[in-house]
Amino acid sequence: MAGTRSHDGPGPLRRAGRATGRALRAPFTGTARSIRKATHAHGAGESGLGKLIELHAVNGAGDVMITVALASTVFFSVPTDEARGRVALYLAITMAPFTLLAPVVGPLLDRLPHGRRAAMAGAMLARALLAITMSGAVATGGLELYPAALGVLVCSKAYGVVRSAVVPRLLPPGFSLVKANSRVTLAGLLATGVAAPIGAGLQTVGSAWPLYGACAIFVAGTFLAFTLPPKVDSAKGERRARLIDPHHEQPAPRPAPGKGSTRAGLYRKGNGRKPAKERPPGLRSVGGSVLHGLQANAAHRALSGFLIFFLAFLLREHPLAGQSAAVSLGIVGVAAGAGNACGTAVGSWLRARGPEVIIATVLGLALGTAVLATVFFSTALVAALGAVAGFTQALSKLSLDAMIQRDVPEEVRTSAFARSETLLQMAWVVGGGIGIALPLNAVLGMSVAAGLLALGAAASVRGLLGAARRGTPHPRAA
């Protein structure tokens, strides 16, 4: 019929537009499918571990955006002497309250066995709101920036504590704890590596833009947390157990008439009948492995904090031979990041066979490298120490996490992670404080680094190797 338009198909312009759209989307959709395939491999998709891996990647990307904004404000924007004072003030204002707040996080989360997804989502949403709050103060560096930074730190640690306690519930068949922890941690590291240059690019647009990016990322993480499987919130298999040392669960024999109890803590002295109030177990009550592993990890964290701050100020004033300050910092930072990623990958490969031996071995490796850097200080050895420090810290922390997941009863595991994270964070602050206060002398600094590791080795290696020889009464950790 005259005037009727043909409907045989879309016109050439429309077909060209669709083809162009598909071509533009292909790199992003292809990348997304590749990421999903990697995170959900080997049964991780069916168990729910894949979702946790993706959530942790989002968490790492958001955290590094905030780190970029704070580093530019506190460190890079002022002369070295003023920067040292501002960094010290930042540590004092944020870490002093953190020591009081962090121990409360674990017991509080222990009371929320049915709300773990909500707890992780809440930690994400709170950081999104705090990022927006910080965006108004980051340009001036005013004191109002520090309470918000403290809130971000506490929320980040709360998320990490819940995430660590959730991993055993999402293990695929045949997965060890260290392999699962390694895969989650590696996803966070990769996301950090991708987001860091994006954050630096946003920083060139404006000092608040990395925080806007962090807010958007954390909002996405809030919704992603609720996509975790419902068994994350299930309390099946958990119990409000008698929180006492499992080696002393049996009541002591009734004392002879007229005599007091000889078992303090189980019977009230002089009574012999009425049980005393039970006390929650500390890290000491779960065996020597966890305690000595925590001591060794504290040495690694102290080294990490020391190197970050000492080398940041040293290389700013005295760059590596033939390099600018920015390039020198970049060399050491990239080496440390690569070492951390390699340590995480090796942790997955080792499958946590003998975590006590792994911790003792990597502590010795770090100590040997620090001694070499002291005696033969050079550009190559500084970069090598950064790489080894990243490698050994990652592998040691994965092994410690596996021992806590192996040896600590599930009903108090969240508290154990909170306490251990608090101690490790404070070790990092102590190391960082030493790095800020120390004169900018390279050999002196490397000597102090070796000394920190030597103290950790003296406190922990003998106990770790002894525990490895005796074996563990908790063989469920592969």
Protein backbone atom coordinates (compact mmCIF):
# COMPACT_ATOMS: atom_id res chain seq x y z
CA MET A 1 0.00 0.00 0.00
CA ALA A 2 1.27 3.40 -0.83
CA GLY A 3 2.76 5.31 2.08
CA THR A 4 3.37 2.19 4.16
CA ARG A 5 6.86 2.01 5.71
CA SER A 6 8.79 -1.20 5.49
CA HIS A 7 9.17 -3.14 8.77
CA ASP A 8 11.47 -5.79 7.42
CA GLY A 9 14.13 -4.87 9.99
CA PRO A 10 16.00 -2.02 11.62
CA GLY A 11 17.62 0.53 9.42
CA PRO A 12 21.36 0.63 8.77
CA LEU A 13 21.91 3.45 11.28
CA ARG A 14 20.17 1.53 14.03
CA ARG A 15 22.15 -1.64 13.25
CA ALA A 16 25.37 0.37 13.29
CA GLY A 17 24.41 1.91 16.63
CA ARG A 18 23.74 -1.48 18.18
CA ALA A 19 26.99 -2.89 16.87
CA THR A 20 28.89 0.09 18.28
CA GLY A 21 27.19 -0.34 21.66
CA ARG A 22 28.09 -4.02 21.77
CA ALA A 23 31.69 -3.20 20.85
CA LEU A 24 31.93 -0.61 23.62
CA ARG A 25 30.37 -2.93 26.20
CA ALA A 26 32.41 -5.97 25.24
CA PRO A 27 35.59 -5.11 27.20
CA PHE A 28 33.60 -4.44 30.38
CA THR A 29 31.23 -7.39 30.12
CA GLY A 30 34.09 -9.68 29.14
CA THR A 31 36.16 -8.51 32.08
CA ALA A 32 33.21 -8.95 34.44
CA ARG A 33 32.63 -12.49 33.20
CA SER A 34 36.32 -13.32 33.59
CA ILE A 35 36.36 -11.97 37.13
CA ARG A 36 33.21 -13.88 38.04
CA LYS A 37 34.68 -17.07 36.57
CA ALA A 38 37.87 -16.68 38.62
CA THR A 39 36.16 -15.83 41.91
CA HIS A 40 33.61 -18.64 41.59
CA ALA A 41 36.06 -21.36 40.52
CA HIS A 42 36.60 -24.69 42.34
CA GLY A 43 33.23 -24.65 44.07
CA ALA A 44 33.55 -21.13 45.50
CA GLY A 45 30.44 -20.03 43.61
CA GLU A 46 28.28 -22.83 45.04
CA SER A 47 29.52 -22.38 48.62
CA GLY A 48 29.19 -18.59 48.65
CA LEU A 49 32.91 -17.94 49.01
CA GLY A 50 32.92 -16.28 45.58
CA LYS A 51 30.51 -13.60 46.81
CA LEU A 52 32.74 -12.95 49.82
CA ILE A 53 35.76 -12.65 47.52
CA GLU A 54 33.95 -10.03 45.44
CA LEU A 55 32.82 -8.18 48.56
CA HIS A 56 36.38 -8.07 49.89
CA ALA A 57 37.60 -6.71 46.56
CA VAL A 58 35.08 -3.88 46.86
CA ASN A 59 36.24 -3.28 50.43
CA GLY A 60 39.88 -3.02 49.35
CA ALA A 61 39.07 -0.61 46.52
CA GLY A 62 37.11 1.69 48.81
CA ASP A 63 39.76 1.68 51.52
CA VAL A 64 42.56 2.59 49.12
CA MET A 65 40.54 5.54 47.79
CA ILE A 66 40.33 6.94 51.32
CA THR A 67 44.03 6.21 51.87
CA VAL A 68 44.95 8.20 48.74
CA ALA A 69 42.92 11.18 49.93
CA LEU A 70 44.41 11.11 53.44
CA ALA A 71 47.99 10.58 52.26
CA SER A 72 47.76 13.56 49.93
CA THR A 73 46.38 15.72 52.73
CA VAL A 74 48.55 14.62 55.66
CA PHE A 75 51.85 13.73 53.99
CA PHE A 76 52.49 15.10 50.51
CA SER A 77 51.06 18.59 50.77
CA VAL A 78 53.51 20.00 53.35
CA PRO A 79 57.31 20.08 53.99
CA THR A 80 58.94 17.04 55.58
CA ASP A 81 59.26 18.41 59.12
CA GLU A 82 55.65 19.54 59.17
CA ALA A 83 54.55 16.26 57.59
CA ARG A 84 56.22 14.29 60.40
CA GLY A 85 54.26 16.27 62.96
CA ARG A 86 50.98 15.89 61.11
CA VAL A 87 51.46 12.14 60.65
CA ALA A 88 52.31 11.75 64.35
CA LEU A 89 49.19 13.74 65.24
CA TYR A 90 47.10 11.57 62.93
CA LEU A 91 48.38 8.39 64.62
CA ALA A 92 47.80 9.79 68.11
CA ILE A 93 44.27 11.08 67.46
CA THR A 94 43.05 7.99 65.61
CA MET A 95 44.88 5.19 67.41
CA ALA A 96 44.43 6.25 71.03
CA PRO A 97 40.61 5.95 70.87
CA PHE A 98 40.96 2.88 68.64
CA THR A 99 42.67 0.98 71.48
CA LEU A 100 39.57 1.58 73.59
CA LEU A 101 36.95 0.93 70.91
CA ALA A 102 38.44 -2.07 69.09
CA PRO A 103 38.23 -4.57 72.00
CA VAL A 104 34.49 -3.83 72.21
CA VAL A 105 33.92 -4.76 68.55
CA GLY A 106 34.52 -8.50 68.92
CA PRO A 107 32.22 -9.18 71.90
CA LEU A 108 29.54 -6.97 70.32
CA LEU A 109 29.67 -8.93 67.06
CA ASP A 110 29.65 -12.22 69.00
CA ARG A 111 26.15 -11.22 70.10
CA LEU A 112 25.03 -10.90 66.46
CA PRO A 113 25.35 -14.44 65.05
CA HIS A 114 22.20 -13.84 62.98
CA GLY A 115 23.33 -10.45 61.70
CA ARG A 116 26.71 -10.93 60.08
CA ARG A 117 25.59 -9.77 56.65
CA ALA A 118 23.97 -6.74 58.21
CA ALA A 119 27.15 -6.05 60.20
CA MET A 120 29.30 -6.08 57.05
CA ALA A 121 26.74 -3.98 55.17
CA GLY A 122 26.61 -1.53 58.07
CA ALA A 123 30.40 -1.20 58.07
CA MET A 124 30.27 -0.44 54.34
CA LEU A 125 27.45 2.11 54.63
CA ALA A 126 29.08 3.86 57.59
CA ARG A 127 32.29 4.32 55.61
CA ALA A 128 30.31 5.69 52.66
CA LEU A 129 28.78 8.34 54.92
CA LEU A 130 32.12 9.09 56.61
CA ALA A 131 33.78 9.52 53.21
CA ILE A 132 31.26 12.21 52.34
CA THR A 133 31.84 13.83 55.72
CA MET A 134 35.60 13.83 55.16
CA SER A 135 35.29 15.33 51.69
CA GLY A 136 34.52 18.72 53.17
CA ALA A 137 37.53 18.71 55.51
CA VAL A 138 40.18 17.01 53.41
CA ALA A 139 41.18 20.18 51.58
CA THR A 140 41.94 22.09 54.79
CA GLY A 141 43.32 19.19 56.86
CA GLY A 142 41.43 20.48 59.90
CA LEU A 143 41.03 18.53 63.12
CA GLU A 144 37.51 17.50 62.16
CA LEU A 145 39.12 15.16 59.64
CA TYR A 146 40.56 12.93 62.36
CA PRO A 147 37.36 11.73 64.09
CA ALA A 148 36.01 10.72 60.69
CA ALA A 149 39.26 8.90 59.92
CA LEU A 150 38.94 7.10 63.26
CA GLY A 151 35.41 6.03 62.33
CA VAL A 152 36.64 4.69 58.99
CA LEU A 153 39.39 2.73 60.77
CA VAL A 154 37.00 1.17 63.30
CA CYS A 155 34.46 0.25 60.60
CA SER A 156 37.19 -1.23 58.43
CA LYS A 157 38.43 -3.40 61.30
CA ALA A 158 34.88 -4.43 62.21
CA TYR A 159 34.31 -5.58 58.64
CA GLY A 160 37.62 -7.48 58.68
CA VAL A 161 36.79 -9.24 61.94
CA VAL A 162 33.38 -10.42 60.69
CA ARG A 163 34.85 -11.44 57.33
CA SER A 164 37.51 -13.59 59.03
CA ALA A 165 34.91 -15.26 61.25
CA VAL A 166 32.64 -15.97 58.25
CA VAL A 167 35.23 -17.72 56.04
CA PRO A 168 34.94 -21.17 57.74
CA ARG A 169 31.19 -21.19 57.00
CA LEU A 170 31.80 -20.71 53.26
CA LEU A 171 34.55 -23.27 52.65
CA PRO A 172 34.03 -25.27 49.42
CA PRO A 173 34.74 -29.01 49.55
CA GLY A 174 38.47 -29.68 49.55
CA PHE A 175 39.40 -26.10 50.46
CA SER A 176 41.73 -25.44 53.36
CA LEU A 177 41.34 -22.39 55.54
CA VAL A 178 44.57 -20.84 54.30
CA LYS A 179 43.59 -21.40 50.68
CA ALA A 180 40.26 -19.67 51.26
CA ASN A 181 41.88 -16.83 53.21
CA SER A 182 44.50 -16.46 50.49
CA ARG A 183 41.94 -16.20 47.72
CA VAL A 184 39.94 -13.57 49.61
CA THR A 185 43.05 -11.56 50.50
CA LEU A 186 44.45 -11.73 46.97
CA ALA A 187 41.21 -10.33 45.58
CA GLY A 188 41.52 -7.40 47.96
CA LEU A 189 45.12 -6.79 46.90
CA LEU A 190 44.27 -6.88 43.20
CA ALA A 191 41.38 -4.48 43.70
CA THR A 192 43.68 -2.18 45.66
CA GLY A 193 46.20 -2.23 42.81
CA VAL A 194 43.51 -1.29 40.30
CA ALA A 195 41.84 1.37 42.46
CA ALA A 196 45.02 3.13 43.65
CA PRO A 197 45.91 4.74 40.28
CA ILE A 198 42.25 5.61 39.75
CA GLY A 199 42.25 7.34 43.13
CA ALA A 200 45.46 9.18 42.23
CA GLY A 201 43.83 10.33 38.99
CA LEU A 202 40.77 11.55 40.87
CA GLN A 203 43.09 13.40 43.25
CA THR A 204 44.34 15.50 40.33
CA VAL A 205 40.76 16.58 39.68
CA GLY A 206 40.19 17.66 43.27
CA SER A 207 41.15 16.60 46.79
CA ALA A 208 37.62 15.43 47.57
CA TRP A 209 37.13 13.30 44.47
CA PRO A 210 38.81 10.12 45.79
CA LEU A 211 36.38 10.31 48.71
CA TYR A 212 33.43 10.61 46.34
CA GLY A 213 34.74 7.51 44.60
CA ALA A 214 35.08 5.71 47.94
CA CYS A 215 31.50 6.61 48.83
CA ALA A 216 30.17 5.13 45.57
CA ILE A 217 32.22 1.95 46.07
CA PHE A 218 31.06 1.44 49.65
CA VAL A 219 27.42 1.99 48.70
CA ALA A 220 27.81 -0.81 46.14
CA GLY A 221 29.43 -2.95 48.86
CA THR A 222 26.45 -2.34 51.15
CA PHE A 223 24.12 -4.02 48.68
CA LEU A 224 26.65 -6.72 47.79
CA ALA A 225 26.92 -7.79 51.46
CA PHE A 226 23.27 -8.86 51.43
CA THR A 227 23.90 -11.16 48.44
CA LEU A 228 25.98 -13.49 50.64
CA PRO A 229 24.21 -16.82 51.30
CA PRO A 230 21.83 -16.96 54.29
CA LYS A 231 24.04 -19.52 56.07
CA VAL A 232 26.39 -16.64 56.91
CA ASP A 233 23.70 -15.51 59.37
CA SER A 234 22.75 -18.97 60.56
CA ALA A 235 23.68 -19.91 64.11
CA LYS A 236 23.39 -23.62 63.36
CA GLY A 237 26.27 -25.45 65.00
CA GLU A 238 27.03 -22.57 67.32
CA ARG A 239 26.33 -22.56 71.00
CA ARG A 240 26.47 -20.26 73.95
CA ALA A 241 29.10 -22.51 75.39
CA ARG A 242 30.63 -22.41 78.81
CA LEU A 243 33.40 -20.04 77.97
CA ILE A 244 36.20 -21.62 79.95
CA ASP A 245 39.46 -23.24 79.09
CA PRO A 246 38.51 -26.57 77.46
CA HIS A 247 41.25 -28.32 79.42
CA HIS A 248 39.43 -27.44 82.64
CA GLU A 249 35.82 -28.17 81.79
CA GLN A 250 35.48 -30.97 84.33
CA PRO A 251 34.69 -29.74 87.85
CA ALA A 252 37.31 -30.29 90.47
CA PRO A 253 36.76 -32.89 93.20
CA ARG A 254 35.03 -31.58 96.26
CA PRO A 255 37.66 -30.59 98.82
CA ALA A 256 37.90 -32.36 102.12
CA PRO A 257 35.78 -30.93 104.96
CA GLY A 258 37.35 -27.93 106.54
CA LYS A 259 39.65 -27.23 103.64
CA GLY A 260 39.31 -24.64 100.90
CA SER A 261 39.36 -25.36 97.23
CA THR A 262 42.69 -25.94 95.60
CA ARG A 263 41.31 -25.20 92.13
CA ALA A 264 41.00 -21.43 91.99
CA GLY A 265 38.62 -20.26 89.30
CA LEU A 266 36.40 -23.39 89.41
CA TYR A 267 35.24 -23.29 93.01
CA ARG A 268 34.94 -20.42 95.38
CA LYS A 269 37.57 -20.74 98.05
CA GLY A 270 36.22 -22.05 101.32
CA ASN A 271 32.94 -23.26 99.79
CA GLY A 272 33.73 -26.20 97.54
CA ARG A 273 30.19 -26.46 96.20
CA LYS A 274 29.16 -23.36 94.29
CA PRO A 275 31.00 -22.85 91.00
CA ALA A 276 32.75 -19.55 90.54
CA LYS A 277 31.83 -17.23 87.72
CA GLU A 278 33.28 -18.57 84.51
CA ARG A 279 35.71 -16.39 82.62
CA PRO A 280 35.95 -16.15 78.83
CA PRO A 281 39.07 -17.73 77.40
CA GLY A 282 41.87 -15.50 76.31
CA LEU A 283 44.26 -16.22 73.48
CA ARG A 284 46.51 -18.04 75.97
CA SER A 285 43.83 -20.63 76.70
CA VAL A 286 43.66 -21.94 73.13
CA GLY A 287 47.23 -23.19 73.02
CA GLY A 288 50.71 -21.92 72.43
CA SER A 289 50.43 -21.86 68.64
CA VAL A 290 48.06 -18.90 68.49
CA LEU A 291 49.90 -16.94 71.17
CA HIS A 292 53.34 -17.37 69.61
CA GLY A 293 51.94 -16.85 66.13
CA LEU A 294 50.49 -13.55 67.33
CA GLN A 295 53.87 -12.51 68.76
CA ALA A 296 55.60 -13.24 65.46
CA ASN A 297 52.94 -11.38 63.50
CA ALA A 298 53.29 -8.42 65.84
CA ALA A 299 56.96 -8.25 64.86
CA HIS A 300 56.01 -8.27 61.16
CA ARG A 301 53.41 -5.53 61.70
CA ALA A 302 55.86 -3.41 63.68
CA LEU A 303 58.35 -3.78 60.82
CA SER A 304 55.66 -2.80 58.32
CA GLY A 305 54.71 0.34 60.22
CA PHE A 306 58.35 1.26 60.74
CA LEU A 307 59.31 0.84 57.08
CA ILE A 308 56.28 2.75 55.80
CA PHE A 309 57.00 5.86 57.81
CA PHE A 310 60.78 5.74 58.09
CA LEU A 311 61.36 5.08 54.39
CA ALA A 312 58.68 7.58 53.39
CA PHE A 313 60.51 10.40 55.16
CA LEU A 314 64.02 9.08 54.41
CA LEU A 315 63.42 8.73 50.68
CA ARG A 316 61.66 12.07 50.54
CA GLU A 317 64.82 13.76 51.85
CA HIS A 318 67.43 11.33 50.48
CA PRO A 319 66.12 9.58 47.34
CA LEU A 320 67.67 6.40 46.02
CA ALA A 321 70.72 6.89 43.81
CA GLY A 322 69.79 8.52 40.51
CA GLN A 323 66.05 8.66 41.30
CA SER A 324 63.62 11.34 42.37
CA ALA A 325 61.79 11.14 45.70
CA ALA A 326 58.53 10.10 44.02
CA VAL A 327 60.24 7.37 41.97
CA SER A 328 62.12 6.11 45.03
CA LEU A 329 58.91 5.82 47.03
CA GLY A 330 57.25 4.15 44.06
CA ILE A 331 60.01 1.53 43.75
CA VAL A 332 59.76 0.52 47.39
CA GLY A 333 55.94 0.64 47.37
CA VAL A 334 55.64 -1.52 44.26
CA ALA A 335 58.17 -4.00 45.66
CA ALA A 336 56.22 -4.27 48.93
CA GLY A 337 52.92 -4.70 47.10
CA ALA A 338 54.34 -7.36 44.80
CA GLY A 339 55.82 -9.19 47.77
CA ASN A 340 52.49 -9.10 49.58
CA ALA A 341 50.68 -10.53 46.55
CA CYS A 342 53.30 -13.27 46.16
CA GLY A 343 53.00 -14.16 49.85
CA THR A 344 49.24 -14.48 49.50
CA ALA A 345 49.60 -16.69 46.41
CA VAL A 346 52.20 -18.91 48.09
CA GLY A 347 49.92 -19.22 51.12
CA SER A 348 47.24 -20.71 48.90
CA TRP A 349 49.73 -23.12 47.37
CA LEU A 350 51.11 -24.28 50.72
CA ARG A 351 47.63 -25.19 52.00
CA ALA A 352 48.67 -24.28 55.58
CA ARG A 353 50.68 -27.45 56.14
CA GLY A 354 52.48 -26.70 59.36
CA PRO A 355 51.46 -23.05 59.87
CA GLU A 356 53.72 -22.81 62.92
CA VAL A 357 56.74 -23.77 60.83
CA ILE A 358 55.71 -21.34 58.08
CA ILE A 359 55.53 -18.43 60.54
CA ALA A 360 58.91 -19.27 62.09
CA THR A 361 60.52 -19.67 58.65
CA VAL A 362 59.29 -16.39 57.18
CA LEU A 363 60.27 -14.52 60.35
CA GLY A 364 63.81 -15.82 59.93
CA LEU A 365 63.76 -14.84 56.26
CA ALA A 366 62.71 -11.28 57.07
CA LEU A 367 65.34 -11.00 59.80
CA GLY A 368 68.11 -12.19 57.48
CA THR A 369 67.11 -9.69 54.80
CA ALA A 370 67.00 -6.83 57.32
CA VAL A 371 70.52 -7.72 58.52
CA LEU A 372 71.79 -7.72 54.91
CA ALA A 373 70.15 -4.33 54.29
CA THR A 374 71.89 -2.99 57.40
CA VAL A 375 75.36 -4.23 56.44
CA PHE A 376 75.14 -3.58 52.68
CA PHE A 377 72.69 -0.71 52.35
CA SER A 378 71.81 -0.06 48.71
CA THR A 379 68.90 0.67 46.41
CA ALA A 380 68.48 -3.00 45.54
CA LEU A 381 68.51 -4.14 49.17
CA VAL A 382 66.00 -1.49 50.26
CA ALA A 383 63.64 -2.67 47.53
CA ALA A 384 64.38 -6.29 48.48
CA LEU A 385 63.58 -5.61 52.13
CA GLY A 386 60.27 -4.02 51.13
CA ALA A 387 59.40 -7.03 48.98
CA VAL A 388 60.42 -9.56 51.65
CA ALA A 389 58.57 -7.63 54.35
CA GLY A 390 55.38 -7.71 52.24
CA PHE A 391 55.84 -11.38 51.41
CA THR A 392 56.52 -12.55 54.96
CA GLN A 393 53.78 -10.43 56.54
CA ALA A 394 51.14 -11.81 54.16
CA LEU A 395 52.18 -15.43 54.60
CA SER A 396 52.53 -15.10 58.37
CA LYS A 397 49.10 -13.46 58.74
CA LEU A 398 47.39 -16.14 56.64
CA SER A 399 48.93 -18.82 58.84
CA LEU A 400 47.83 -17.00 62.01
CA ASP A 401 44.28 -16.72 60.68
CA ALA A 402 44.24 -20.44 59.96
CA MET A 403 45.42 -21.24 63.49
CA ILE A 404 42.72 -19.04 65.04
CA GLN A 405 40.08 -20.62 62.83
CA ARG A 406 41.48 -24.03 63.77
CA ASP A 407 42.03 -23.67 67.51
CA VAL A 408 39.48 -21.11 68.75
CA PRO A 409 35.88 -22.26 69.43
CA GLU A 410 33.46 -20.73 66.95
CA GLU A 411 31.36 -19.03 69.60
CA VAL A 412 34.30 -16.81 70.60
CA ARG A 413 36.20 -16.78 67.31
CA THR A 414 34.98 -13.31 66.38
CA SER A 415 36.32 -11.92 69.65
CA ALA A 416 39.63 -13.69 69.09
CA PHE A 417 39.98 -12.07 65.68
CA ALA A 418 39.07 -8.68 67.14
CA ARG A 419 41.67 -8.98 69.90
CA SER A 420 44.37 -10.19 67.54
CA GLU A 421 43.63 -7.43 65.03
CA THR A 422 43.79 -4.84 67.79
CA LEU A 423 47.18 -6.09 69.00
CA LEU A 424 48.56 -6.20 65.45
CA GLN A 425 47.26 -2.72 64.70
CA MET A 426 48.93 -1.35 67.80
CA ALA A 427 52.19 -3.11 66.89
CA TRP A 428 51.98 -1.33 63.53
CA VAL A 429 51.48 2.00 65.30
CA VAL A 430 54.45 1.37 67.62
CA GLY A 431 56.64 0.59 64.63
CA GLY A 432 55.34 3.64 62.79
CA GLY A 433 55.97 5.86 65.81
CA ILE A 434 59.57 4.69 65.98
CA GLY A 435 59.94 5.38 62.26
CA ILE A 436 58.61 8.92 62.66
CA ALA A 437 60.83 9.75 65.65
CA LEU A 438 64.05 8.15 64.39
CA PRO A 439 66.74 10.36 62.79
CA LEU A 440 66.85 9.97 59.00
CA ASN A 441 69.96 7.77 58.95
CA ALA A 442 69.70 4.78 56.61
CA VAL A 443 72.00 2.37 58.47
CA LEU A 444 70.46 3.26 61.83
CA GLY A 445 67.00 2.66 60.41
CA MET A 446 67.84 -0.74 58.98
CA SER A 447 69.45 -1.69 62.32
CA VAL A 448 66.22 -0.82 64.12
CA ALA A 449 64.24 -2.87 61.58
CA ALA A 450 66.46 -5.88 62.24
CA GLY A 451 66.10 -5.31 65.98
CA LEU A 452 62.29 -5.38 65.83
CA LEU A 453 62.38 -8.72 64.03
CA ALA A 454 65.00 -10.12 66.38
CA LEU A 455 62.76 -9.34 69.36
CA GLY A 456 59.87 -11.11 67.68
CA ALA A 457 62.02 -14.13 66.87
CA ALA A 458 63.30 -14.36 70.44
CA ALA A 459 59.75 -14.31 71.79
CA SER A 460 58.09 -16.71 69.39
CA VAL A 461 60.27 -19.03 67.31
CA ARG A 462 61.10 -21.54 70.03
CA GLY A 463 57.45 -21.81 71.07
CA LEU A 464 56.27 -22.15 67.46
CA LEU A 465 58.68 -24.96 66.66
CA GLY A 466 57.82 -26.71 69.92
CA ALA A 467 54.11 -26.50 69.11
CA ALA A 468 54.80 -27.85 65.62
CA ARG A 469 56.61 -30.87 67.10
CA ARG A 470 53.79 -31.61 69.53
CA GLY A 471 51.13 -31.26 66.84
CA THR A 472 47.67 -29.79 67.23
CA PRO A 473 44.65 -31.32 68.98
CA HIS A 474 42.51 -29.61 66.31
CA PRO A 475 43.30 -31.45 63.04
CA ARG A 476 40.35 -29.96 61.15
CA ALA A 477 42.51 -27.21 59.64
CA ALA A 478 44.18 -28.58 56.54
